[in-house]
Amino acid sequence: MGAKAEISWTRRTEEGEKLLVYAQHVGDQWKFFHRPKRFENWQEVEIPPLEDWLELLDAVERRAQRRLAKPEEPVRLRKTIRELFPDVKLD
């Protein structure tokens, strides 16, 4: 990846609680972490939901356009999402 191998965002849980999420690029894999509040410890997410994968894909595509990520990274990420979620249609 480029200068930064971490991408973060916030989302709401099914209960409406705010959740901080970040994905870390390690080698050829992405590791996801979350925490409910700012000063709590990050917890690794073993099986990230599709919502997080799509948020990561959006962020990586934007970074690739600005040349902050390798141009092939969105392609790799789309392939990973298709393997994990075969029923999902990606643009």
N, C-alpha and C. Protein backbone atom coordinates (compact mmCIF):
# COMPACT_ATOMS: atom_id res chain seq x y z
N MET A 1 0.86 -1.16 0.00
CA MET A 1 0.00 0.00 0.00
C MET A 1 0.90 1.22 0.00
N GLY A 2 0.38 2.34 0.07
CA GLY A 2 1.19 3.55 0.02
C GLY A 2 1.75 3.92 1.37
N ALA A 3 1.57 5.17 1.72
CA ALA A 3 2.16 5.71 2.93
C ALA A 3 1.53 5.14 4.21
N LYS A 4 0.27 4.81 4.17
CA LYS A 4 -0.41 4.37 5.38
C LYS A 4 -1.10 3.04 5.12
N ALA A 5 -0.87 2.07 5.97
CA ALA A 5 -1.46 0.75 5.79
C ALA A 5 -2.67 0.55 6.68
N GLU A 6 -3.24 1.62 7.21
CA GLU A 6 -4.43 1.53 8.05
C GLU A 6 -5.50 2.48 7.53
N ILE A 7 -6.73 2.00 7.54
CA ILE A 7 -7.86 2.82 7.12
C ILE A 7 -8.92 2.67 8.20
N SER A 8 -9.50 3.78 8.64
CA SER A 8 -10.49 3.69 9.71
C SER A 8 -11.77 4.43 9.34
N TRP A 9 -12.87 4.05 10.00
CA TRP A 9 -14.17 4.66 9.80
C TRP A 9 -15.04 4.34 11.00
N THR A 10 -16.22 4.94 11.04
CA THR A 10 -17.19 4.63 12.10
C THR A 10 -18.45 4.08 11.45
N ARG A 11 -19.15 3.23 12.18
CA ARG A 11 -20.43 2.71 11.73
C ARG A 11 -21.31 2.46 12.94
N ARG A 12 -22.56 2.21 12.70
CA ARG A 12 -23.52 1.92 13.77
C ARG A 12 -23.79 0.42 13.82
N THR A 13 -23.89 -0.10 15.04
CA THR A 13 -24.24 -1.50 15.21
C THR A 13 -25.75 -1.66 15.00
N GLU A 14 -26.21 -2.90 15.02
CA GLU A 14 -27.65 -3.15 14.86
C GLU A 14 -28.46 -2.53 15.99
N GLU A 15 -27.82 -2.36 17.16
CA GLU A 15 -28.49 -1.74 18.30
C GLU A 15 -28.44 -0.22 18.25
N GLY A 16 -27.76 0.35 17.25
CA GLY A 16 -27.65 1.79 17.13
C GLY A 16 -26.43 2.39 17.81
N GLU A 17 -25.58 1.56 18.38
CA GLU A 17 -24.36 2.04 19.05
C GLU A 17 -23.29 2.39 18.01
N LYS A 18 -22.52 3.42 18.32
CA LYS A 18 -21.43 3.82 17.45
C LYS A 18 -20.26 2.84 17.63
N LEU A 19 -19.61 2.45 16.52
CA LEU A 19 -18.51 1.51 16.57
C LEU A 19 -17.37 2.05 15.71
N LEU A 20 -16.19 2.17 16.28
CA LEU A 20 -15.01 2.59 15.53
C LEU A 20 -14.38 1.35 14.93
N VAL A 21 -14.06 1.40 13.65
CA VAL A 21 -13.51 0.25 12.94
C VAL A 21 -12.25 0.69 12.21
N TYR A 22 -11.23 -0.17 12.21
CA TYR A 22 -10.11 0.09 11.32
C TYR A 22 -9.61 -1.20 10.73
N ALA A 23 -9.08 -1.08 9.52
CA ALA A 23 -8.53 -2.23 8.81
C ALA A 23 -7.05 -1.96 8.60
N GLN A 24 -6.25 -2.98 8.82
CA GLN A 24 -4.80 -2.87 8.70
C GLN A 24 -4.33 -3.82 7.61
N HIS A 25 -3.55 -3.31 6.68
CA HIS A 25 -3.02 -4.11 5.58
C HIS A 25 -1.71 -4.73 6.03
N VAL A 26 -1.69 -6.06 6.11
CA VAL A 26 -0.51 -6.79 6.56
C VAL A 26 -0.18 -7.83 5.49
N GLY A 27 0.93 -7.63 4.79
CA GLY A 27 1.28 -8.55 3.71
C GLY A 27 0.24 -8.45 2.61
N ASP A 28 -0.42 -9.57 2.31
CA ASP A 28 -1.48 -9.55 1.30
C ASP A 28 -2.85 -9.73 1.93
N GLN A 29 -2.95 -9.50 3.23
CA GLN A 29 -4.21 -9.68 3.94
C GLN A 29 -4.64 -8.39 4.63
N TRP A 30 -5.92 -8.33 4.95
CA TRP A 30 -6.47 -7.22 5.72
C TRP A 30 -6.94 -7.75 7.06
N LYS A 31 -6.57 -7.08 8.13
CA LYS A 31 -7.04 -7.42 9.47
C LYS A 31 -7.96 -6.30 9.93
N PHE A 32 -9.09 -6.68 10.50
CA PHE A 32 -10.08 -5.71 10.96
C PHE A 32 -10.09 -5.66 12.48
N PHE A 33 -10.26 -4.46 13.02
CA PHE A 33 -10.34 -4.24 14.46
C PHE A 33 -11.50 -3.29 14.74
N HIS A 34 -12.08 -3.39 15.94
CA HIS A 34 -13.12 -2.44 16.31
C HIS A 34 -13.07 -2.17 17.81
N ARG A 35 -13.70 -1.06 18.17
CA ARG A 35 -13.88 -0.72 19.58
C ARG A 35 -15.09 0.20 19.68
N PRO A 36 -15.84 0.05 20.76
CA PRO A 36 -17.06 0.85 20.89
C PRO A 36 -16.80 2.30 21.29
N LYS A 37 -15.76 2.55 22.06
CA LYS A 37 -15.48 3.91 22.53
C LYS A 37 -14.01 4.23 22.32
N ARG A 38 -13.73 5.51 22.33
CA ARG A 38 -12.40 5.99 21.99
C ARG A 38 -11.29 5.43 22.87
N PHE A 39 -11.50 5.32 24.15
CA PHE A 39 -10.41 4.94 25.04
C PHE A 39 -10.42 3.46 25.42
N GLU A 40 -11.21 2.68 24.73
CA GLU A 40 -11.20 1.23 24.96
C GLU A 40 -10.18 0.58 24.04
N ASN A 41 -9.81 -0.65 24.35
CA ASN A 41 -8.82 -1.37 23.54
C ASN A 41 -9.44 -1.87 22.24
N TRP A 42 -8.61 -1.90 21.19
CA TRP A 42 -9.04 -2.44 19.92
C TRP A 42 -9.15 -3.95 20.04
N GLN A 43 -10.19 -4.52 19.46
CA GLN A 43 -10.38 -5.97 19.43
C GLN A 43 -10.38 -6.43 17.98
N GLU A 44 -9.61 -7.49 17.70
CA GLU A 44 -9.57 -8.00 16.34
C GLU A 44 -10.90 -8.68 16.01
N VAL A 45 -11.35 -8.47 14.79
CA VAL A 45 -12.59 -9.07 14.30
C VAL A 45 -12.20 -10.26 13.44
N GLU A 46 -12.55 -11.46 13.87
CA GLU A 46 -12.18 -12.67 13.14
C GLU A 46 -12.89 -12.76 11.79
N ILE A 47 -14.20 -12.51 11.79
CA ILE A 47 -14.98 -12.59 10.54
C ILE A 47 -15.70 -11.25 10.36
N PRO A 48 -15.07 -10.32 9.63
CA PRO A 48 -15.69 -9.01 9.45
C PRO A 48 -16.97 -9.11 8.60
N PRO A 49 -17.97 -8.29 8.90
CA PRO A 49 -19.20 -8.31 8.10
C PRO A 49 -18.97 -7.68 6.72
N LEU A 50 -19.86 -7.98 5.81
CA LEU A 50 -19.78 -7.45 4.45
C LEU A 50 -19.73 -5.93 4.46
N GLU A 51 -20.48 -5.32 5.34
CA GLU A 51 -20.53 -3.85 5.45
C GLU A 51 -19.12 -3.27 5.62
N ASP A 52 -18.29 -3.91 6.45
CA ASP A 52 -16.93 -3.42 6.67
C ASP A 52 -16.06 -3.64 5.44
N TRP A 53 -16.22 -4.77 4.77
CA TRP A 53 -15.45 -5.02 3.54
C TRP A 53 -15.78 -3.98 2.47
N LEU A 54 -17.05 -3.64 2.33
CA LEU A 54 -17.45 -2.65 1.32
C LEU A 54 -16.95 -1.26 1.66
N GLU A 55 -16.96 -0.93 2.93
CA GLU A 55 -16.42 0.37 3.37
C GLU A 55 -14.92 0.44 3.07
N LEU A 56 -14.22 -0.65 3.33
CA LEU A 56 -12.79 -0.72 3.04
C LEU A 56 -12.54 -0.59 1.54
N LEU A 57 -13.32 -1.29 0.73
CA LEU A 57 -13.17 -1.21 -0.72
C LEU A 57 -13.34 0.22 -1.21
N ASP A 58 -14.35 0.92 -0.71
CA ASP A 58 -14.58 2.31 -1.09
C ASP A 58 -13.37 3.17 -0.74
N ALA A 59 -12.84 2.99 0.46
CA ALA A 59 -11.68 3.78 0.89
C ALA A 59 -10.44 3.47 0.05
N VAL A 60 -10.22 2.20 -0.25
CA VAL A 60 -9.04 1.81 -1.03
C VAL A 60 -9.16 2.34 -2.46
N GLU A 61 -10.36 2.29 -3.03
CA GLU A 61 -10.54 2.84 -4.38
C GLU A 61 -10.25 4.34 -4.42
N ARG A 62 -10.71 5.06 -3.40
CA ARG A 62 -10.43 6.50 -3.35
C ARG A 62 -8.94 6.77 -3.19
N ARG A 63 -8.26 5.95 -2.38
CA ARG A 63 -6.82 6.11 -2.20
C ARG A 63 -6.06 5.79 -3.49
N ALA A 64 -6.51 4.79 -4.21
CA ALA A 64 -5.85 4.42 -5.47
C ALA A 64 -5.97 5.56 -6.49
N GLN A 65 -7.10 6.24 -6.51
CA GLN A 65 -7.28 7.37 -7.42
C GLN A 65 -6.31 8.49 -7.10
N ARG A 66 -5.99 8.65 -5.83
CA ARG A 66 -5.06 9.71 -5.41
C ARG A 66 -3.62 9.21 -5.35
N ARG A 67 -3.41 8.00 -5.82
CA ARG A 67 -2.09 7.34 -5.85
C ARG A 67 -1.51 7.14 -4.45
N LEU A 68 -2.38 6.94 -3.47
CA LEU A 68 -1.94 6.62 -2.11
C LEU A 68 -1.97 5.11 -1.88
N ALA A 69 -2.54 4.39 -2.84
CA ALA A 69 -2.58 2.92 -2.80
C ALA A 69 -2.20 2.42 -4.19
N LYS A 70 -1.68 1.22 -4.23
CA LYS A 70 -1.32 0.62 -5.52
C LYS A 70 -2.59 0.43 -6.36
N PRO A 71 -2.50 0.64 -7.67
CA PRO A 71 -3.68 0.52 -8.52
C PRO A 71 -4.29 -0.89 -8.51
N GLU A 72 -3.48 -1.91 -8.25
CA GLU A 72 -4.01 -3.28 -8.25
C GLU A 72 -4.69 -3.65 -6.92
N GLU A 73 -4.54 -2.83 -5.90
CA GLU A 73 -5.12 -3.17 -4.59
C GLU A 73 -6.65 -3.26 -4.61
N PRO A 74 -7.37 -2.34 -5.26
CA PRO A 74 -8.83 -2.51 -5.33
C PRO A 74 -9.24 -3.81 -6.04
N VAL A 75 -8.48 -4.20 -7.04
CA VAL A 75 -8.78 -5.45 -7.77
C VAL A 75 -8.62 -6.64 -6.84
N ARG A 76 -7.54 -6.66 -6.07
CA ARG A 76 -7.31 -7.75 -5.11
C ARG A 76 -8.41 -7.79 -4.05
N LEU A 77 -8.79 -6.62 -3.59
CA LEU A 77 -9.82 -6.53 -2.55
C LEU A 77 -11.18 -7.01 -3.08
N ARG A 78 -11.52 -6.65 -4.31
CA ARG A 78 -12.76 -7.14 -4.92
C ARG A 78 -12.75 -8.67 -5.02
N LYS A 79 -11.61 -9.22 -5.39
CA LYS A 79 -11.49 -10.68 -5.50
C LYS A 79 -11.72 -11.33 -4.13
N THR A 80 -11.13 -10.77 -3.09
CA THR A 80 -11.30 -11.30 -1.74
C THR A 80 -12.77 -11.24 -1.32
N ILE A 81 -13.43 -10.11 -1.60
CA ILE A 81 -14.84 -9.97 -1.23
C ILE A 81 -15.69 -10.99 -1.97
N ARG A 82 -15.41 -11.20 -3.26
CA ARG A 82 -16.17 -12.19 -4.03
C ARG A 82 -15.97 -13.61 -3.49
N GLU A 83 -14.76 -13.90 -3.02
CA GLU A 83 -14.49 -15.23 -2.45
C GLU A 83 -15.24 -15.42 -1.13
N LEU A 84 -15.27 -14.39 -0.30
CA LEU A 84 -15.93 -14.48 1.00
C LEU A 84 -17.45 -14.39 0.91
N PHE A 85 -17.94 -13.59 -0.03
CA PHE A 85 -19.38 -13.35 -0.18
C PHE A 85 -19.76 -13.56 -1.65
N PRO A 86 -19.89 -14.82 -2.10
CA PRO A 86 -20.13 -15.09 -3.52
C PRO A 86 -21.44 -14.53 -4.07
N ASP A 87 -22.41 -14.23 -3.23
CA ASP A 87 -23.71 -13.73 -3.71
C ASP A 87 -23.71 -12.22 -3.95
N VAL A 88 -22.66 -11.53 -3.55
CA VAL A 88 -22.62 -10.08 -3.65
C VAL A 88 -22.20 -9.65 -5.05
N LYS A 89 -22.94 -8.69 -5.59
CA LYS A 89 -22.62 -8.12 -6.90
C LYS A 89 -21.86 -6.82 -6.68
N LEU A 90 -20.64 -6.75 -7.18
CA LEU A 90 -19.83 -5.53 -7.08
C LEU A 90 -19.86 -4.83 -8.42
N ASP A 91 -19.90 -3.50 -8.40
CA ASP A 91 -19.95 -2.72 -9.65
C ASP A 91 -18.73 -2.97 -10.48
